[in-house]
Amino acid sequence: LAAEAKTLGLEPYVKHLHSLNTAF
């Protein structure tokens, strides 16, 4: 779903969510 995320400009959310979930 990377293409869809890019189309919607979700990359900052995805990056931040990955960082938070790693710390979690």
PDBML (XML) file of the C-alpha atoms, coordinates in Angstrom:
<?xml version="1.0" encoding="UTF-8" ?>
<PDBx:datablock datablockName="MODEL"
   xmlns:PDBx="http://pdbml.pdb.org/schema/pdbx-v50.xsd"
   xmlns:xsi="http://www.w3.org/2001/XMLSchema-instance"
   xsi:schemaLocation="http://pdbml.pdb.org/schema/pdbx-v50.xsd pdbx-v50.xsd">
   <PDBx:atom_siteCategory>
      <PDBx:atom_site id="1">
         <PDBx:B_iso_or_equiv>0.00</PDBx:B_iso_or_equiv>
         <PDBx:Cartn_x>0.000</PDBx:Cartn_x>
         <PDBx:Cartn_y>0.000</PDBx:Cartn_y>
         <PDBx:Cartn_z>0.000</PDBx:Cartn_z>
         <PDBx:auth_asym_id>A</PDBx:auth_asym_id>
         <PDBx:auth_atom_id>CA</PDBx:auth_atom_id>
         <PDBx:auth_comp_id>LEU</PDBx:auth_comp_id>
         <PDBx:auth_seq_id>1</PDBx:auth_seq_id>
         <PDBx:group_PDB>ATOM</PDBx:group_PDB>
         <PDBx:label_alt_id xsi:nil="true" />
         <PDBx:label_asym_id>A</PDBx:label_asym_id>
         <PDBx:label_atom_id>CA</PDBx:label_atom_id>
         <PDBx:label_comp_id>LEU</PDBx:label_comp_id>
         <PDBx:label_entity_id>1</PDBx:label_entity_id>
         <PDBx:label_seq_id>1</PDBx:label_seq_id>
         <PDBx:occupancy>1.00</PDBx:occupancy>
         <PDBx:pdbx_PDB_model_num>1</PDBx:pdbx_PDB_model_num>
         <PDBx:type_symbol>C</PDBx:type_symbol>
      </PDBx:atom_site>
      <PDBx:atom_site id="2">
         <PDBx:B_iso_or_equiv>0.00</PDBx:B_iso_or_equiv>
         <PDBx:Cartn_x>3.053</PDBx:Cartn_x>
         <PDBx:Cartn_y>2.270</PDBx:Cartn_y>
         <PDBx:Cartn_z>-0.308</PDBx:Cartn_z>
         <PDBx:auth_asym_id>A</PDBx:auth_asym_id>
         <PDBx:auth_atom_id>CA</PDBx:auth_atom_id>
         <PDBx:auth_comp_id>ALA</PDBx:auth_comp_id>
         <PDBx:auth_seq_id>2</PDBx:auth_seq_id>
         <PDBx:group_PDB>ATOM</PDBx:group_PDB>
         <PDBx:label_alt_id xsi:nil="true" />
         <PDBx:label_asym_id>A</PDBx:label_asym_id>
         <PDBx:label_atom_id>CA</PDBx:label_atom_id>
         <PDBx:label_comp_id>ALA</PDBx:label_comp_id>
         <PDBx:label_entity_id>1</PDBx:label_entity_id>
         <PDBx:label_seq_id>2</PDBx:label_seq_id>
         <PDBx:occupancy>1.00</PDBx:occupancy>
         <PDBx:pdbx_PDB_model_num>1</PDBx:pdbx_PDB_model_num>
         <PDBx:type_symbol>C</PDBx:type_symbol>
      </PDBx:atom_site>
      <PDBx:atom_site id="3">
         <PDBx:B_iso_or_equiv>0.00</PDBx:B_iso_or_equiv>
         <PDBx:Cartn_x>1.785</PDBx:Cartn_x>
         <PDBx:Cartn_y>3.816</PDBx:Cartn_y>
         <PDBx:Cartn_z>-3.560</PDBx:Cartn_z>
         <PDBx:auth_asym_id>A</PDBx:auth_asym_id>
         <PDBx:auth_atom_id>CA</PDBx:auth_atom_id>
         <PDBx:auth_comp_id>ALA</PDBx:auth_comp_id>
         <PDBx:auth_seq_id>3</PDBx:auth_seq_id>
         <PDBx:group_PDB>ATOM</PDBx:group_PDB>
         <PDBx:label_alt_id xsi:nil="true" />
         <PDBx:label_asym_id>A</PDBx:label_asym_id>
         <PDBx:label_atom_id>CA</PDBx:label_atom_id>
         <PDBx:label_comp_id>ALA</PDBx:label_comp_id>
         <PDBx:label_entity_id>1</PDBx:label_entity_id>
         <PDBx:label_seq_id>3</PDBx:label_seq_id>
         <PDBx:occupancy>1.00</PDBx:occupancy>
         <PDBx:pdbx_PDB_model_num>1</PDBx:pdbx_PDB_model_num>
         <PDBx:type_symbol>C</PDBx:type_symbol>
      </PDBx:atom_site>
      <PDBx:atom_site id="4">
         <PDBx:B_iso_or_equiv>0.00</PDBx:B_iso_or_equiv>
         <PDBx:Cartn_x>-1.553</PDBx:Cartn_x>
         <PDBx:Cartn_y>4.695</PDBx:Cartn_y>
         <PDBx:Cartn_z>-1.987</PDBx:Cartn_z>
         <PDBx:auth_asym_id>A</PDBx:auth_asym_id>
         <PDBx:auth_atom_id>CA</PDBx:auth_atom_id>
         <PDBx:auth_comp_id>GLU</PDBx:auth_comp_id>
         <PDBx:auth_seq_id>4</PDBx:auth_seq_id>
         <PDBx:group_PDB>ATOM</PDBx:group_PDB>
         <PDBx:label_alt_id xsi:nil="true" />
         <PDBx:label_asym_id>A</PDBx:label_asym_id>
         <PDBx:label_atom_id>CA</PDBx:label_atom_id>
         <PDBx:label_comp_id>GLU</PDBx:label_comp_id>
         <PDBx:label_entity_id>1</PDBx:label_entity_id>
         <PDBx:label_seq_id>4</PDBx:label_seq_id>
         <PDBx:occupancy>1.00</PDBx:occupancy>
         <PDBx:pdbx_PDB_model_num>1</PDBx:pdbx_PDB_model_num>
         <PDBx:type_symbol>C</PDBx:type_symbol>
      </PDBx:atom_site>
      <PDBx:atom_site id="5">
         <PDBx:B_iso_or_equiv>0.00</PDBx:B_iso_or_equiv>
         <PDBx:Cartn_x>0.209</PDBx:Cartn_x>
         <PDBx:Cartn_y>6.201</PDBx:Cartn_y>
         <PDBx:Cartn_z>1.049</PDBx:Cartn_z>
         <PDBx:auth_asym_id>A</PDBx:auth_asym_id>
         <PDBx:auth_atom_id>CA</PDBx:auth_atom_id>
         <PDBx:auth_comp_id>ALA</PDBx:auth_comp_id>
         <PDBx:auth_seq_id>5</PDBx:auth_seq_id>
         <PDBx:group_PDB>ATOM</PDBx:group_PDB>
         <PDBx:label_alt_id xsi:nil="true" />
         <PDBx:label_asym_id>A</PDBx:label_asym_id>
         <PDBx:label_atom_id>CA</PDBx:label_atom_id>
         <PDBx:label_comp_id>ALA</PDBx:label_comp_id>
         <PDBx:label_entity_id>1</PDBx:label_entity_id>
         <PDBx:label_seq_id>5</PDBx:label_seq_id>
         <PDBx:occupancy>1.00</PDBx:occupancy>
         <PDBx:pdbx_PDB_model_num>1</PDBx:pdbx_PDB_model_num>
         <PDBx:type_symbol>C</PDBx:type_symbol>
      </PDBx:atom_site>
      <PDBx:atom_site id="6">
         <PDBx:B_iso_or_equiv>0.00</PDBx:B_iso_or_equiv>
         <PDBx:Cartn_x>2.348</PDBx:Cartn_x>
         <PDBx:Cartn_y>8.339</PDBx:Cartn_y>
         <PDBx:Cartn_z>-1.234</PDBx:Cartn_z>
         <PDBx:auth_asym_id>A</PDBx:auth_asym_id>
         <PDBx:auth_atom_id>CA</PDBx:auth_atom_id>
         <PDBx:auth_comp_id>LYS</PDBx:auth_comp_id>
         <PDBx:auth_seq_id>6</PDBx:auth_seq_id>
         <PDBx:group_PDB>ATOM</PDBx:group_PDB>
         <PDBx:label_alt_id xsi:nil="true" />
         <PDBx:label_asym_id>A</PDBx:label_asym_id>
         <PDBx:label_atom_id>CA</PDBx:label_atom_id>
         <PDBx:label_comp_id>LYS</PDBx:label_comp_id>
         <PDBx:label_entity_id>1</PDBx:label_entity_id>
         <PDBx:label_seq_id>6</PDBx:label_seq_id>
         <PDBx:occupancy>1.00</PDBx:occupancy>
         <PDBx:pdbx_PDB_model_num>1</PDBx:pdbx_PDB_model_num>
         <PDBx:type_symbol>C</PDBx:type_symbol>
      </PDBx:atom_site>
      <PDBx:atom_site id="7">
         <PDBx:B_iso_or_equiv>0.00</PDBx:B_iso_or_equiv>
         <PDBx:Cartn_x>-0.663</PDBx:Cartn_x>
         <PDBx:Cartn_y>9.484</PDBx:Cartn_y>
         <PDBx:Cartn_z>-3.246</PDBx:Cartn_z>
         <PDBx:auth_asym_id>A</PDBx:auth_asym_id>
         <PDBx:auth_atom_id>CA</PDBx:auth_atom_id>
         <PDBx:auth_comp_id>THR</PDBx:auth_comp_id>
         <PDBx:auth_seq_id>7</PDBx:auth_seq_id>
         <PDBx:group_PDB>ATOM</PDBx:group_PDB>
         <PDBx:label_alt_id xsi:nil="true" />
         <PDBx:label_asym_id>A</PDBx:label_asym_id>
         <PDBx:label_atom_id>CA</PDBx:label_atom_id>
         <PDBx:label_comp_id>THR</PDBx:label_comp_id>
         <PDBx:label_entity_id>1</PDBx:label_entity_id>
         <PDBx:label_seq_id>7</PDBx:label_seq_id>
         <PDBx:occupancy>1.00</PDBx:occupancy>
         <PDBx:pdbx_PDB_model_num>1</PDBx:pdbx_PDB_model_num>
         <PDBx:type_symbol>C</PDBx:type_symbol>
      </PDBx:atom_site>
      <PDBx:atom_site id="8">
         <PDBx:B_iso_or_equiv>0.00</PDBx:B_iso_or_equiv>
         <PDBx:Cartn_x>-2.337</PDBx:Cartn_x>
         <PDBx:Cartn_y>10.676</PDBx:Cartn_y>
         <PDBx:Cartn_z>-0.045</PDBx:Cartn_z>
         <PDBx:auth_asym_id>A</PDBx:auth_asym_id>
         <PDBx:auth_atom_id>CA</PDBx:auth_atom_id>
         <PDBx:auth_comp_id>LEU</PDBx:auth_comp_id>
         <PDBx:auth_seq_id>8</PDBx:auth_seq_id>
         <PDBx:group_PDB>ATOM</PDBx:group_PDB>
         <PDBx:label_alt_id xsi:nil="true" />
         <PDBx:label_asym_id>A</PDBx:label_asym_id>
         <PDBx:label_atom_id>CA</PDBx:label_atom_id>
         <PDBx:label_comp_id>LEU</PDBx:label_comp_id>
         <PDBx:label_entity_id>1</PDBx:label_entity_id>
         <PDBx:label_seq_id>8</PDBx:label_seq_id>
         <PDBx:occupancy>1.00</PDBx:occupancy>
         <PDBx:pdbx_PDB_model_num>1</PDBx:pdbx_PDB_model_num>
         <PDBx:type_symbol>C</PDBx:type_symbol>
      </PDBx:atom_site>
      <PDBx:atom_site id="9">
         <PDBx:B_iso_or_equiv>0.00</PDBx:B_iso_or_equiv>
         <PDBx:Cartn_x>0.844</PDBx:Cartn_x>
         <PDBx:Cartn_y>12.193</PDBx:Cartn_y>
         <PDBx:Cartn_z>1.403</PDBx:Cartn_z>
         <PDBx:auth_asym_id>A</PDBx:auth_asym_id>
         <PDBx:auth_atom_id>CA</PDBx:auth_atom_id>
         <PDBx:auth_comp_id>GLY</PDBx:auth_comp_id>
         <PDBx:auth_seq_id>9</PDBx:auth_seq_id>
         <PDBx:group_PDB>ATOM</PDBx:group_PDB>
         <PDBx:label_alt_id xsi:nil="true" />
         <PDBx:label_asym_id>A</PDBx:label_asym_id>
         <PDBx:label_atom_id>CA</PDBx:label_atom_id>
         <PDBx:label_comp_id>GLY</PDBx:label_comp_id>
         <PDBx:label_entity_id>1</PDBx:label_entity_id>
         <PDBx:label_seq_id>9</PDBx:label_seq_id>
         <PDBx:occupancy>1.00</PDBx:occupancy>
         <PDBx:pdbx_PDB_model_num>1</PDBx:pdbx_PDB_model_num>
         <PDBx:type_symbol>C</PDBx:type_symbol>
      </PDBx:atom_site>
      <PDBx:atom_site id="10">
         <PDBx:B_iso_or_equiv>0.00</PDBx:B_iso_or_equiv>
         <PDBx:Cartn_x>0.797</PDBx:Cartn_x>
         <PDBx:Cartn_y>9.861</PDBx:Cartn_y>
         <PDBx:Cartn_z>4.393</PDBx:Cartn_z>
         <PDBx:auth_asym_id>A</PDBx:auth_asym_id>
         <PDBx:auth_atom_id>CA</PDBx:auth_atom_id>
         <PDBx:auth_comp_id>LEU</PDBx:auth_comp_id>
         <PDBx:auth_seq_id>10</PDBx:auth_seq_id>
         <PDBx:group_PDB>ATOM</PDBx:group_PDB>
         <PDBx:label_alt_id xsi:nil="true" />
         <PDBx:label_asym_id>A</PDBx:label_asym_id>
         <PDBx:label_atom_id>CA</PDBx:label_atom_id>
         <PDBx:label_comp_id>LEU</PDBx:label_comp_id>
         <PDBx:label_entity_id>1</PDBx:label_entity_id>
         <PDBx:label_seq_id>10</PDBx:label_seq_id>
         <PDBx:occupancy>1.00</PDBx:occupancy>
         <PDBx:pdbx_PDB_model_num>1</PDBx:pdbx_PDB_model_num>
         <PDBx:type_symbol>C</PDBx:type_symbol>
      </PDBx:atom_site>
      <PDBx:atom_site id="11">
         <PDBx:B_iso_or_equiv>0.00</PDBx:B_iso_or_equiv>
         <PDBx:Cartn_x>4.571</PDBx:Cartn_x>
         <PDBx:Cartn_y>9.363</PDBx:Cartn_y>
         <PDBx:Cartn_z>4.538</PDBx:Cartn_z>
         <PDBx:auth_asym_id>A</PDBx:auth_asym_id>
         <PDBx:auth_atom_id>CA</PDBx:auth_atom_id>
         <PDBx:auth_comp_id>GLU</PDBx:auth_comp_id>
         <PDBx:auth_seq_id>11</PDBx:auth_seq_id>
         <PDBx:group_PDB>ATOM</PDBx:group_PDB>
         <PDBx:label_alt_id xsi:nil="true" />
         <PDBx:label_asym_id>A</PDBx:label_asym_id>
         <PDBx:label_atom_id>CA</PDBx:label_atom_id>
         <PDBx:label_comp_id>GLU</PDBx:label_comp_id>
         <PDBx:label_entity_id>1</PDBx:label_entity_id>
         <PDBx:label_seq_id>11</PDBx:label_seq_id>
         <PDBx:occupancy>1.00</PDBx:occupancy>
         <PDBx:pdbx_PDB_model_num>1</PDBx:pdbx_PDB_model_num>
         <PDBx:type_symbol>C</PDBx:type_symbol>
      </PDBx:atom_site>
      <PDBx:atom_site id="12">
         <PDBx:B_iso_or_equiv>0.00</PDBx:B_iso_or_equiv>
         <PDBx:Cartn_x>5.082</PDBx:Cartn_x>
         <PDBx:Cartn_y>11.658</PDBx:Cartn_y>
         <PDBx:Cartn_z>7.609</PDBx:Cartn_z>
         <PDBx:auth_asym_id>A</PDBx:auth_asym_id>
         <PDBx:auth_atom_id>CA</PDBx:auth_atom_id>
         <PDBx:auth_comp_id>PRO</PDBx:auth_comp_id>
         <PDBx:auth_seq_id>12</PDBx:auth_seq_id>
         <PDBx:group_PDB>ATOM</PDBx:group_PDB>
         <PDBx:label_alt_id xsi:nil="true" />
         <PDBx:label_asym_id>A</PDBx:label_asym_id>
         <PDBx:label_atom_id>CA</PDBx:label_atom_id>
         <PDBx:label_comp_id>PRO</PDBx:label_comp_id>
         <PDBx:label_entity_id>1</PDBx:label_entity_id>
         <PDBx:label_seq_id>12</PDBx:label_seq_id>
         <PDBx:occupancy>1.00</PDBx:occupancy>
         <PDBx:pdbx_PDB_model_num>1</PDBx:pdbx_PDB_model_num>
         <PDBx:type_symbol>C</PDBx:type_symbol>
      </PDBx:atom_site>
      <PDBx:atom_site id="13">
         <PDBx:B_iso_or_equiv>0.00</PDBx:B_iso_or_equiv>
         <PDBx:Cartn_x>2.364</PDBx:Cartn_x>
         <PDBx:Cartn_y>9.782</PDBx:Cartn_y>
         <PDBx:Cartn_z>9.495</PDBx:Cartn_z>
         <PDBx:auth_asym_id>A</PDBx:auth_asym_id>
         <PDBx:auth_atom_id>CA</PDBx:auth_atom_id>
         <PDBx:auth_comp_id>TYR</PDBx:auth_comp_id>
         <PDBx:auth_seq_id>13</PDBx:auth_seq_id>
         <PDBx:group_PDB>ATOM</PDBx:group_PDB>
         <PDBx:label_alt_id xsi:nil="true" />
         <PDBx:label_asym_id>A</PDBx:label_asym_id>
         <PDBx:label_atom_id>CA</PDBx:label_atom_id>
         <PDBx:label_comp_id>TYR</PDBx:label_comp_id>
         <PDBx:label_entity_id>1</PDBx:label_entity_id>
         <PDBx:label_seq_id>13</PDBx:label_seq_id>
         <PDBx:occupancy>1.00</PDBx:occupancy>
         <PDBx:pdbx_PDB_model_num>1</PDBx:pdbx_PDB_model_num>
         <PDBx:type_symbol>C</PDBx:type_symbol>
      </PDBx:atom_site>
      <PDBx:atom_site id="14">
         <PDBx:B_iso_or_equiv>0.00</PDBx:B_iso_or_equiv>
         <PDBx:Cartn_x>3.812</PDBx:Cartn_x>
         <PDBx:Cartn_y>6.404</PDBx:Cartn_y>
         <PDBx:Cartn_z>8.550</PDBx:Cartn_z>
         <PDBx:auth_asym_id>A</PDBx:auth_asym_id>
         <PDBx:auth_atom_id>CA</PDBx:auth_atom_id>
         <PDBx:auth_comp_id>VAL</PDBx:auth_comp_id>
         <PDBx:auth_seq_id>14</PDBx:auth_seq_id>
         <PDBx:group_PDB>ATOM</PDBx:group_PDB>
         <PDBx:label_alt_id xsi:nil="true" />
         <PDBx:label_asym_id>A</PDBx:label_asym_id>
         <PDBx:label_atom_id>CA</PDBx:label_atom_id>
         <PDBx:label_comp_id>VAL</PDBx:label_comp_id>
         <PDBx:label_entity_id>1</PDBx:label_entity_id>
         <PDBx:label_seq_id>14</PDBx:label_seq_id>
         <PDBx:occupancy>1.00</PDBx:occupancy>
         <PDBx:pdbx_PDB_model_num>1</PDBx:pdbx_PDB_model_num>
         <PDBx:type_symbol>C</PDBx:type_symbol>
      </PDBx:atom_site>
      <PDBx:atom_site id="15">
         <PDBx:B_iso_or_equiv>0.00</PDBx:B_iso_or_equiv>
         <PDBx:Cartn_x>7.334</PDBx:Cartn_x>
         <PDBx:Cartn_y>7.414</PDBx:Cartn_y>
         <PDBx:Cartn_z>9.540</PDBx:Cartn_z>
         <PDBx:auth_asym_id>A</PDBx:auth_asym_id>
         <PDBx:auth_atom_id>CA</PDBx:auth_atom_id>
         <PDBx:auth_comp_id>LYS</PDBx:auth_comp_id>
         <PDBx:auth_seq_id>15</PDBx:auth_seq_id>
         <PDBx:group_PDB>ATOM</PDBx:group_PDB>
         <PDBx:label_alt_id xsi:nil="true" />
         <PDBx:label_asym_id>A</PDBx:label_asym_id>
         <PDBx:label_atom_id>CA</PDBx:label_atom_id>
         <PDBx:label_comp_id>LYS</PDBx:label_comp_id>
         <PDBx:label_entity_id>1</PDBx:label_entity_id>
         <PDBx:label_seq_id>15</PDBx:label_seq_id>
         <PDBx:occupancy>1.00</PDBx:occupancy>
         <PDBx:pdbx_PDB_model_num>1</PDBx:pdbx_PDB_model_num>
         <PDBx:type_symbol>C</PDBx:type_symbol>
      </PDBx:atom_site>
      <PDBx:atom_site id="16">
         <PDBx:B_iso_or_equiv>0.00</PDBx:B_iso_or_equiv>
         <PDBx:Cartn_x>6.191</PDBx:Cartn_x>
         <PDBx:Cartn_y>8.836</PDBx:Cartn_y>
         <PDBx:Cartn_z>12.880</PDBx:Cartn_z>
         <PDBx:auth_asym_id>A</PDBx:auth_asym_id>
         <PDBx:auth_atom_id>CA</PDBx:auth_atom_id>
         <PDBx:auth_comp_id>HIS</PDBx:auth_comp_id>
         <PDBx:auth_seq_id>16</PDBx:auth_seq_id>
         <PDBx:group_PDB>ATOM</PDBx:group_PDB>
         <PDBx:label_alt_id xsi:nil="true" />
         <PDBx:label_asym_id>A</PDBx:label_asym_id>
         <PDBx:label_atom_id>CA</PDBx:label_atom_id>
         <PDBx:label_comp_id>HIS</PDBx:label_comp_id>
         <PDBx:label_entity_id>1</PDBx:label_entity_id>
         <PDBx:label_seq_id>16</PDBx:label_seq_id>
         <PDBx:occupancy>1.00</PDBx:occupancy>
         <PDBx:pdbx_PDB_model_num>1</PDBx:pdbx_PDB_model_num>
         <PDBx:type_symbol>C</PDBx:type_symbol>
      </PDBx:atom_site>
      <PDBx:atom_site id="17">
         <PDBx:B_iso_or_equiv>0.00</PDBx:B_iso_or_equiv>
         <PDBx:Cartn_x>3.965</PDBx:Cartn_x>
         <PDBx:Cartn_y>5.838</PDBx:Cartn_y>
         <PDBx:Cartn_z>13.573</PDBx:Cartn_z>
         <PDBx:auth_asym_id>A</PDBx:auth_asym_id>
         <PDBx:auth_atom_id>CA</PDBx:auth_atom_id>
         <PDBx:auth_comp_id>LEU</PDBx:auth_comp_id>
         <PDBx:auth_seq_id>17</PDBx:auth_seq_id>
         <PDBx:group_PDB>ATOM</PDBx:group_PDB>
         <PDBx:label_alt_id xsi:nil="true" />
         <PDBx:label_asym_id>A</PDBx:label_asym_id>
         <PDBx:label_atom_id>CA</PDBx:label_atom_id>
         <PDBx:label_comp_id>LEU</PDBx:label_comp_id>
         <PDBx:label_entity_id>1</PDBx:label_entity_id>
         <PDBx:label_seq_id>17</PDBx:label_seq_id>
         <PDBx:occupancy>1.00</PDBx:occupancy>
         <PDBx:pdbx_PDB_model_num>1</PDBx:pdbx_PDB_model_num>
         <PDBx:type_symbol>C</PDBx:type_symbol>
      </PDBx:atom_site>
      <PDBx:atom_site id="18">
         <PDBx:B_iso_or_equiv>0.00</PDBx:B_iso_or_equiv>
         <PDBx:Cartn_x>6.875</PDBx:Cartn_x>
         <PDBx:Cartn_y>3.490</PDBx:Cartn_y>
         <PDBx:Cartn_z>12.912</PDBx:Cartn_z>
         <PDBx:auth_asym_id>A</PDBx:auth_asym_id>
         <PDBx:auth_atom_id>CA</PDBx:auth_atom_id>
         <PDBx:auth_comp_id>HIS</PDBx:auth_comp_id>
         <PDBx:auth_seq_id>18</PDBx:auth_seq_id>
         <PDBx:group_PDB>ATOM</PDBx:group_PDB>
         <PDBx:label_alt_id xsi:nil="true" />
         <PDBx:label_asym_id>A</PDBx:label_asym_id>
         <PDBx:label_atom_id>CA</PDBx:label_atom_id>
         <PDBx:label_comp_id>HIS</PDBx:label_comp_id>
         <PDBx:label_entity_id>1</PDBx:label_entity_id>
         <PDBx:label_seq_id>18</PDBx:label_seq_id>
         <PDBx:occupancy>1.00</PDBx:occupancy>
         <PDBx:pdbx_PDB_model_num>1</PDBx:pdbx_PDB_model_num>
         <PDBx:type_symbol>C</PDBx:type_symbol>
      </PDBx:atom_site>
      <PDBx:atom_site id="19">
         <PDBx:B_iso_or_equiv>0.00</PDBx:B_iso_or_equiv>
         <PDBx:Cartn_x>9.084</PDBx:Cartn_x>
         <PDBx:Cartn_y>5.430</PDBx:Cartn_y>
         <PDBx:Cartn_z>15.335</PDBx:Cartn_z>
         <PDBx:auth_asym_id>A</PDBx:auth_asym_id>
         <PDBx:auth_atom_id>CA</PDBx:auth_atom_id>
         <PDBx:auth_comp_id>SER</PDBx:auth_comp_id>
         <PDBx:auth_seq_id>19</PDBx:auth_seq_id>
         <PDBx:group_PDB>ATOM</PDBx:group_PDB>
         <PDBx:label_alt_id xsi:nil="true" />
         <PDBx:label_asym_id>A</PDBx:label_asym_id>
         <PDBx:label_atom_id>CA</PDBx:label_atom_id>
         <PDBx:label_comp_id>SER</PDBx:label_comp_id>
         <PDBx:label_entity_id>1</PDBx:label_entity_id>
         <PDBx:label_seq_id>19</PDBx:label_seq_id>
         <PDBx:occupancy>1.00</PDBx:occupancy>
         <PDBx:pdbx_PDB_model_num>1</PDBx:pdbx_PDB_model_num>
         <PDBx:type_symbol>C</PDBx:type_symbol>
      </PDBx:atom_site>
      <PDBx:atom_site id="20">
         <PDBx:B_iso_or_equiv>0.00</PDBx:B_iso_or_equiv>
         <PDBx:Cartn_x>6.417</PDBx:Cartn_x>
         <PDBx:Cartn_y>5.484</PDBx:Cartn_y>
         <PDBx:Cartn_z>18.038</PDBx:Cartn_z>
         <PDBx:auth_asym_id>A</PDBx:auth_asym_id>
         <PDBx:auth_atom_id>CA</PDBx:auth_atom_id>
         <PDBx:auth_comp_id>LEU</PDBx:auth_comp_id>
         <PDBx:auth_seq_id>20</PDBx:auth_seq_id>
         <PDBx:group_PDB>ATOM</PDBx:group_PDB>
         <PDBx:label_alt_id xsi:nil="true" />
         <PDBx:label_asym_id>A</PDBx:label_asym_id>
         <PDBx:label_atom_id>CA</PDBx:label_atom_id>
         <PDBx:label_comp_id>LEU</PDBx:label_comp_id>
         <PDBx:label_entity_id>1</PDBx:label_entity_id>
         <PDBx:label_seq_id>20</PDBx:label_seq_id>
         <PDBx:occupancy>1.00</PDBx:occupancy>
         <PDBx:pdbx_PDB_model_num>1</PDBx:pdbx_PDB_model_num>
         <PDBx:type_symbol>C</PDBx:type_symbol>
      </PDBx:atom_site>
      <PDBx:atom_site id="21">
         <PDBx:B_iso_or_equiv>0.00</PDBx:B_iso_or_equiv>
         <PDBx:Cartn_x>5.532</PDBx:Cartn_x>
         <PDBx:Cartn_y>1.819</PDBx:Cartn_y>
         <PDBx:Cartn_z>17.653</PDBx:Cartn_z>
         <PDBx:auth_asym_id>A</PDBx:auth_asym_id>
         <PDBx:auth_atom_id>CA</PDBx:auth_atom_id>
         <PDBx:auth_comp_id>ASN</PDBx:auth_comp_id>
         <PDBx:auth_seq_id>21</PDBx:auth_seq_id>
         <PDBx:group_PDB>ATOM</PDBx:group_PDB>
         <PDBx:label_alt_id xsi:nil="true" />
         <PDBx:label_asym_id>A</PDBx:label_asym_id>
         <PDBx:label_atom_id>CA</PDBx:label_atom_id>
         <PDBx:label_comp_id>ASN</PDBx:label_comp_id>
         <PDBx:label_entity_id>1</PDBx:label_entity_id>
         <PDBx:label_seq_id>21</PDBx:label_seq_id>
         <PDBx:occupancy>1.00</PDBx:occupancy>
         <PDBx:pdbx_PDB_model_num>1</PDBx:pdbx_PDB_model_num>
         <PDBx:type_symbol>C</PDBx:type_symbol>
      </PDBx:atom_site>
      <PDBx:atom_site id="22">
         <PDBx:B_iso_or_equiv>0.00</PDBx:B_iso_or_equiv>
         <PDBx:Cartn_x>9.198</PDBx:Cartn_x>
         <PDBx:Cartn_y>0.833</PDBx:Cartn_y>
         <PDBx:Cartn_z>17.873</PDBx:Cartn_z>
         <PDBx:auth_asym_id>A</PDBx:auth_asym_id>
         <PDBx:auth_atom_id>CA</PDBx:auth_atom_id>
         <PDBx:auth_comp_id>THR</PDBx:auth_comp_id>
         <PDBx:auth_seq_id>22</PDBx:auth_seq_id>
         <PDBx:group_PDB>ATOM</PDBx:group_PDB>
         <PDBx:label_alt_id xsi:nil="true" />
         <PDBx:label_asym_id>A</PDBx:label_asym_id>
         <PDBx:label_atom_id>CA</PDBx:label_atom_id>
         <PDBx:label_comp_id>THR</PDBx:label_comp_id>
         <PDBx:label_entity_id>1</PDBx:label_entity_id>
         <PDBx:label_seq_id>22</PDBx:label_seq_id>
         <PDBx:occupancy>1.00</PDBx:occupancy>
         <PDBx:pdbx_PDB_model_num>1</PDBx:pdbx_PDB_model_num>
         <PDBx:type_symbol>C</PDBx:type_symbol>
      </PDBx:atom_site>
      <PDBx:atom_site id="23">
         <PDBx:B_iso_or_equiv>0.00</PDBx:B_iso_or_equiv>
         <PDBx:Cartn_x>9.522</PDBx:Cartn_x>
         <PDBx:Cartn_y>2.730</PDBx:Cartn_y>
         <PDBx:Cartn_z>21.142</PDBx:Cartn_z>
         <PDBx:auth_asym_id>A</PDBx:auth_asym_id>
         <PDBx:auth_atom_id>CA</PDBx:auth_atom_id>
         <PDBx:auth_comp_id>ALA</PDBx:auth_comp_id>
         <PDBx:auth_seq_id>23</PDBx:auth_seq_id>
         <PDBx:group_PDB>ATOM</PDBx:group_PDB>
         <PDBx:label_alt_id xsi:nil="true" />
         <PDBx:label_asym_id>A</PDBx:label_asym_id>
         <PDBx:label_atom_id>CA</PDBx:label_atom_id>
         <PDBx:label_comp_id>ALA</PDBx:label_comp_id>
         <PDBx:label_entity_id>1</PDBx:label_entity_id>
         <PDBx:label_seq_id>23</PDBx:label_seq_id>
         <PDBx:occupancy>1.00</PDBx:occupancy>
         <PDBx:pdbx_PDB_model_num>1</PDBx:pdbx_PDB_model_num>
         <PDBx:type_symbol>C</PDBx:type_symbol>
      </PDBx:atom_site>
      <PDBx:atom_site id="24">
         <PDBx:B_iso_or_equiv>0.00</PDBx:B_iso_or_equiv>
         <PDBx:Cartn_x>6.233</PDBx:Cartn_x>
         <PDBx:Cartn_y>1.196</PDBx:Cartn_y>
         <PDBx:Cartn_z>22.307</PDBx:Cartn_z>
         <PDBx:auth_asym_id>A</PDBx:auth_asym_id>
         <PDBx:auth_atom_id>CA</PDBx:auth_atom_id>
         <PDBx:auth_comp_id>PHE</PDBx:auth_comp_id>
         <PDBx:auth_seq_id>24</PDBx:auth_seq_id>
         <PDBx:group_PDB>ATOM</PDBx:group_PDB>
         <PDBx:label_alt_id xsi:nil="true" />
         <PDBx:label_asym_id>A</PDBx:label_asym_id>
         <PDBx:label_atom_id>CA</PDBx:label_atom_id>
         <PDBx:label_comp_id>PHE</PDBx:label_comp_id>
         <PDBx:label_entity_id>1</PDBx:label_entity_id>
         <PDBx:label_seq_id>24</PDBx:label_seq_id>
         <PDBx:occupancy>1.00</PDBx:occupancy>
         <PDBx:pdbx_PDB_model_num>1</PDBx:pdbx_PDB_model_num>
         <PDBx:type_symbol>C</PDBx:type_symbol>
      </PDBx:atom_site>
   </PDBx:atom_siteCategory>
</PDBx:datablock>
